[in-house]
């Protein structure tokens, strides 16, 4: 639950900083893409790890 709230606060903070002009749109897009891709990779690794424990 804390991770979901923290992730939401980070996204709101990035959107606020972009609207204020503190960061440019390209860097925000890059950070969000890398973050989403790493989250997907970690989720898939965790799923495969749990699946291997279940069947071995």
PDB file of N, CA and C in Angstrom:
ATOM      1  N   UNK A   1       0.823  -1.196   0.000  1.00  0.00           N
ATOM      2  CA  UNK A   1       0.000   0.000   0.000  1.00  0.00           C
ATOM      3  C   UNK A   1       0.868   1.262   0.000  1.00  0.00           C
ATOM      4  N   UNK A   2       1.942   1.206   0.774  1.00  0.00           N
ATOM      5  CA  UNK A   2       2.841   2.361   0.862  1.00  0.00           C
ATOM      6  C   UNK A   2       3.517   2.604  -0.487  1.00  0.00           C
ATOM      7  N   UNK A   3       3.848   1.513  -1.201  1.00  0.00           N
ATOM      8  CA  UNK A   3       4.488   1.671  -2.499  1.00  0.00           C
ATOM      9  C   UNK A   3       3.557   2.329  -3.509  1.00  0.00           C
ATOM     10  N   UNK A   4       2.282   2.004  -3.456  1.00  0.00           N
ATOM     11  CA  UNK A   4       1.318   2.598  -4.382  1.00  0.00           C
ATOM     12  C   UNK A   4       1.170   4.092  -4.095  1.00  0.00           C
ATOM     13  N   UNK A   5       1.060   4.437  -2.827  1.00  0.00           N
ATOM     14  CA  UNK A   5       0.938   5.851  -2.453  1.00  0.00           C
ATOM     15  C   UNK A   5       2.213   6.604  -2.822  1.00  0.00           C
ATOM     16  N   UNK A   6       3.373   6.008  -2.552  1.00  0.00           N
ATOM     17  CA  UNK A   6       4.645   6.649  -2.902  1.00  0.00           C
ATOM     18  C   UNK A   6       4.800   6.837  -4.396  1.00  0.00           C
ATOM     19  N   UNK A   7       4.429   5.828  -5.165  1.00  0.00           N
ATOM     20  CA  UNK A   7       4.499   5.943  -6.620  1.00  0.00           C
ATOM     21  C   UNK A   7       3.571   7.019  -7.157  1.00  0.00           C
ATOM     22  N   UNK A   8       2.381   7.100  -6.594  1.00  0.00           N
ATOM     23  CA  UNK A   8       1.448   8.146  -6.997  1.00  0.00           C
ATOM     24  C   UNK A   8       1.964   9.531  -6.669  1.00  0.00           C
ATOM     25  N   UNK A   9       2.586   9.675  -5.490  1.00  0.00           N
ATOM     26  CA  UNK A   9       3.146  10.976  -5.116  1.00  0.00           C
ATOM     27  C   UNK A   9       4.297  11.376  -6.038  1.00  0.00           C
ATOM     28  N   UNK A  10       5.102  10.397  -6.450  1.00  0.00           N
ATOM     29  CA  UNK A  10       6.197  10.689  -7.382  1.00  0.00           C
ATOM     30  C   UNK A  10       5.640  11.168  -8.720  1.00  0.00           C
ATOM     31  N   UNK A  11       4.622  10.487  -9.227  1.00  0.00           N
ATOM     32  CA  UNK A  11       4.035  10.891 -10.504  1.00  0.00           C
ATOM     33  C   UNK A  11       3.380  12.268 -10.415  1.00  0.00           C
ATOM     34  N   UNK A  12       2.703  12.543  -9.313  1.00  0.00           N
ATOM     35  CA  UNK A  12       2.106  13.867  -9.125  1.00  0.00           C
ATOM     36  C   UNK A  12       3.202  14.921  -9.028  1.00  0.00           C
ATOM     37  N   UNK A  13       4.284  14.602  -8.335  1.00  0.00           N
ATOM     38  CA  UNK A  13       5.403  15.539  -8.224  1.00  0.00           C
ATOM     39  C   UNK A  13       6.048  15.834  -9.560  1.00  0.00           C
ATOM     40  N   UNK A  14       6.198  14.804 -10.394  1.00  0.00           N
ATOM     41  CA  UNK A  14       6.783  15.004 -11.721  1.00  0.00           C
ATOM     42  C   UNK A  14       5.860  15.870 -12.580  1.00  0.00           C
ATOM     43  N   UNK A  15       4.552  15.602 -12.511  1.00  0.00           N
ATOM     44  CA  UNK A  15       3.600  16.410 -13.287  1.00  0.00           C
ATOM     45  C   UNK A  15       3.616  17.863 -12.808  1.00  0.00           C
ATOM     46  N   UNK A  16       3.698  18.074 -11.518  1.00  0.00           N
ATOM     47  CA  UNK A  16       3.739  19.441 -10.973  1.00  0.00           C
ATOM     48  C   UNK A  16       5.010  20.166 -11.418  1.00  0.00           C
ATOM     49  N   UNK A  17       6.145  19.464 -11.343  1.00  0.00           N
ATOM     50  CA  UNK A  17       7.412  20.077 -11.752  1.00  0.00           C
ATOM     51  C   UNK A  17       7.414  20.393 -13.246  1.00  0.00           C
ATOM     52  N   UNK A  18       6.785  19.536 -14.038  1.00  0.00           N
ATOM     53  CA  UNK A  18       6.720  19.800 -15.485  1.00  0.00           C
ATOM     54  C   UNK A  18       5.840  21.021 -15.772  1.00  0.00           C
ATOM     55  N   UNK A  19       4.726  21.141 -15.065  1.00  0.00           N
ATOM     56  CA  UNK A  19       3.845  22.298 -15.281  1.00  0.00           C
ATOM     57  C   UNK A  19       4.495  23.597 -14.833  1.00  0.00           C
ATOM     58  N   UNK A  20       5.317  23.554 -13.793  1.00  0.00           N
ATOM     59  CA  UNK A  20       6.002  24.754 -13.318  1.00  0.00           C
ATOM     60  C   UNK A  20       7.178  25.131 -14.212  1.00  0.00           C
ATOM     61  N   UNK A  21       7.617  24.206 -15.063  1.00  0.00           N
ATOM     62  CA  UNK A  21       8.734  24.485 -15.961  1.00  0.00           C
ATOM     63  C   UNK A  21      10.086  24.161 -15.355  1.00  0.00           C
ATOM     64  N   UNK A  22      10.106  23.400 -14.263  1.00  0.00           N
ATOM     65  CA  UNK A  22      11.375  23.051 -13.612  1.00  0.00           C
ATOM     66  C   UNK A  22      12.137  21.993 -14.385  1.00  0.00           C
ATOM     67  N   UNK A  23      11.416  21.119 -15.088  1.00  0.00           N
ATOM     68  CA  UNK A  23      12.041  20.066 -15.897  1.00  0.00           C
ATOM     69  C   UNK A  23      11.435  20.122 -17.293  1.00  0.00           C
ATOM     70  N   UNK A  24      12.187  19.629 -18.270  1.00  0.00           N
ATOM     71  CA  UNK A  24      11.652  19.626 -19.628  1.00  0.00           C
ATOM     72  C   UNK A  24      10.894  18.334 -19.909  1.00  0.00           C
ATOM     73  N   UNK A  25      10.091  18.377 -20.944  1.00  0.00           N
ATOM     74  CA  UNK A  25       9.193  17.271 -21.252  1.00  0.00           C
ATOM     75  C   UNK A  25       9.949  16.010 -21.678  1.00  0.00           C
ATOM     76  N   UNK A  26      11.071  16.172 -22.368  1.00  0.00           N
ATOM     77  CA  UNK A  26      11.831  15.005 -22.833  1.00  0.00           C
ATOM     78  C   UNK A  26      12.420  14.210 -21.681  1.00  0.00           C
ATOM     79  N   UNK A  27      12.965  14.903 -20.683  1.00  0.00           N
ATOM     80  CA  UNK A  27      13.558  14.184 -19.550  1.00  0.00           C
ATOM     81  C   UNK A  27      12.480  13.487 -18.727  1.00  0.00           C
ATOM     82  N   UNK A  28      11.316  14.114 -18.580  1.00  0.00           N
ATOM     83  CA  UNK A  28      10.215  13.477 -17.846  1.00  0.00           C
ATOM     84  C   UNK A  28       9.754  12.227 -18.584  1.00  0.00           C
ATOM     85  N   UNK A  29       9.638  12.322 -19.892  1.00  0.00           N
ATOM     86  CA  UNK A  29       9.219  11.171 -20.686  1.00  0.00           C
ATOM     87  C   UNK A  29      10.227  10.033 -20.567  1.00  0.00           C
ATOM     88  N   UNK A  30      11.519  10.365 -20.591  1.00  0.00           N
ATOM     89  CA  UNK A  30      12.555   9.341 -20.466  1.00  0.00           C
ATOM     90  C   UNK A  30      12.493   8.663 -19.101  1.00  0.00           C
ATOM     91  N   UNK A  31      12.363   9.445 -18.039  1.00  0.00           N
ATOM     92  CA  UNK A  31      12.315   8.885 -16.682  1.00  0.00           C
ATOM     93  C   UNK A  31      11.090   7.989 -16.508  1.00  0.00           C
ATOM     94  N   UNK A  32       9.941   8.424 -17.007  1.00  0.00           N
ATOM     95  CA  UNK A  32       8.735   7.610 -16.883  1.00  0.00           C
ATOM     96  C   UNK A  32       8.839   6.320 -17.684  1.00  0.00           C
ATOM     97  N   UNK A  33       9.401   6.378 -18.890  1.00  0.00           N
ATOM     98  CA  UNK A  33       9.550   5.162 -19.693  1.00  0.00           C
ATOM     99  C   UNK A  33      10.502   4.171 -19.041  1.00  0.00           C
ATOM    100  N   UNK A  34      11.628   4.651 -18.545  1.00  0.00           N
ATOM    101  CA  UNK A  34      12.580   3.757 -17.881  1.00  0.00           C
ATOM    102  C   UNK A  34      11.962   3.166 -16.618  1.00  0.00           C
ATOM    103  N   UNK A  35      11.230   3.979 -15.876  1.00  0.00           N
ATOM    104  CA  UNK A  35      10.580   3.487 -14.659  1.00  0.00           C
ATOM    105  C   UNK A  35       9.542   2.424 -14.939  1.00  0.00           C
ATOM    106  N   UNK A  36       8.740   2.636 -15.965  1.00  0.00           N
ATOM    107  CA  UNK A  36       7.719   1.645 -16.306  1.00  0.00           C
ATOM    108  C   UNK A  36       8.351   0.352 -16.809  1.00  0.00           C
ATOM    109  N   UNK A  37       9.388   0.468 -17.630  1.00  0.00           N
ATOM    110  CA  UNK A  37      10.041  -0.729 -18.154  1.00  0.00           C
ATOM    111  C   UNK A  37      10.722  -1.522 -17.043  1.00  0.00           C
ATOM    112  N   UNK A  38      11.357  -0.833 -16.110  1.00  0.00           N
ATOM    113  CA  UNK A  38      12.005  -1.553 -15.009  1.00  0.00           C
ATOM    114  C   UNK A  38      10.967  -2.198 -14.098  1.00  0.00           C
ATOM    115  N   UNK A  39       9.838  -1.536 -13.890  1.00  0.00           N
ATOM    116  CA  UNK A  39       8.772  -2.137 -13.086  1.00  0.00           C
ATOM    117  C   UNK A  39       8.214  -3.385 -13.722  1.00  0.00           C
ATOM    118  N   UNK A  40       8.033  -3.361 -15.037  1.00  0.00           N
ATOM    119  CA  UNK A  40       7.542  -4.538 -15.746  1.00  0.00           C
ATOM    120  C   UNK A  40       8.559  -5.676 -15.662  1.00  0.00           C
ATOM    121  N   UNK A  41       9.844  -5.356 -15.827  1.00  0.00           N
ATOM    122  CA  UNK A  41      10.887  -6.388 -15.760  1.00  0.00           C
ATOM    123  C   UNK A  41      10.951  -7.015 -14.370  1.00  0.00           C
ATOM    124  N   UNK A  42      10.867  -6.202 -13.340  1.00  0.00           N
ATOM    125  CA  UNK A  42      10.916  -6.731 -11.971  1.00  0.00           C
ATOM    126  C   UNK A  42       9.686  -7.589 -11.692  1.00  0.00           C
ATOM    127  N   UNK A  43       8.524  -7.159 -12.163  1.00  0.00           N
ATOM    128  CA  UNK A  43       7.306  -7.946 -11.965  1.00  0.00           C
ATOM    129  C   UNK A  43       7.397  -9.292 -12.670  1.00  0.00           C
ATOM    130  N   UNK A  44       7.914  -9.297 -13.896  1.00  0.00           N
ATOM    131  CA  UNK A  44       8.062 -10.560 -14.618  1.00  0.00           C
ATOM    132  C   UNK A  44       9.081 -11.470 -13.950  1.00  0.00           C
ATOM    133  N   UNK A  45      10.185 -10.914 -13.467  1.00  0.00           N
ATOM    134  CA  UNK A  45      11.172 -11.715 -12.760  1.00  0.00           C
ATOM    135  C   UNK A  45      10.569 -12.329 -11.505  1.00  0.00           C
ATOM    136  N   UNK A  46       9.806 -11.554 -10.744  1.00  0.00           N
ATOM    137  CA  UNK A  46       9.175 -12.052  -9.531  1.00  0.00           C
ATOM    138  C   UNK A  46       8.179 -13.163  -9.857  1.00  0.00           C
ATOM    139  N   UNK A  47       7.390 -12.964 -10.930  1.00  0.00           N
ATOM    140  CA  UNK A  47       6.420 -13.974 -11.336  1.00  0.00           C
ATOM    141  C   UNK A  47       7.110 -15.268 -11.738  1.00  0.00           C
ATOM    142  N   UNK A  48       8.177 -15.180 -12.548  1.00  0.00           N
ATOM    143  CA  UNK A  48       8.889 -16.376 -12.973  1.00  0.00           C
ATOM    144  C   UNK A  48       9.556 -17.068 -11.786  1.00  0.00           C
ATOM    145  N   UNK A  49      10.087 -16.287 -10.857  1.00  0.00           N
ATOM    146  CA  UNK A  49      10.701 -16.853  -9.663  1.00  0.00           C
ATOM    147  C   UNK A  49       9.681 -17.614  -8.830  1.00  0.00           C
ATOM    148  N   UNK A  50       8.524 -17.035  -8.583  1.00  0.00           N
ATOM    149  CA  UNK A  50       7.474 -17.709  -7.815  1.00  0.00           C
ATOM    150  C   UNK A  50       6.939 -18.933  -8.557  1.00  0.00           C
ATOM    151  N   UNK A  51       6.846 -18.843  -9.888  1.00  0.00           N
ATOM    152  CA  UNK A  51       6.388 -19.965 -10.684  1.00  0.00           C
ATOM    153  C   UNK A  51       7.373 -21.131 -10.595  1.00  0.00           C
ATOM    154  N   UNK A  52       8.661 -20.827 -10.628  1.00  0.00           N
ATOM    155  CA  UNK A  52       9.651 -21.908 -10.532  1.00  0.00           C
ATOM    156  C   UNK A  52       9.636 -22.551  -9.161  1.00  0.00           C
ATOM    157  N   UNK A  53       9.396 -21.785  -8.112  1.00  0.00           N
ATOM    158  CA  UNK A  53       9.303 -22.358  -6.773  1.00  0.00           C
ATOM    159  C   UNK A  53       8.087 -23.270  -6.674  1.00  0.00           C
ATOM    160  N   UNK A  54       6.988 -22.887  -7.300  1.00  0.00           N
ATOM    161  CA  UNK A  54       5.763 -23.654  -7.244  1.00  0.00           C
ATOM    162  C   UNK A  54       5.906 -25.009  -7.914  1.00  0.00           C
ATOM    163  N   UNK A  55       6.649 -25.087  -9.021  1.00  0.00           N
ATOM    164  CA  UNK A  55       6.742 -26.324  -9.784  1.00  0.00           C
ATOM    165  C   UNK A  55       8.006 -27.120  -9.525  1.00  0.00           C
ATOM    166  N   UNK A  56       8.921 -26.624  -8.718  1.00  0.00           N
ATOM    167  CA  UNK A  56      10.144 -27.393  -8.441  1.00  0.00           C
ATOM    168  C   UNK A  56      10.170 -27.969  -7.064  1.00  0.00           C
TER     169      UNK A  56
END
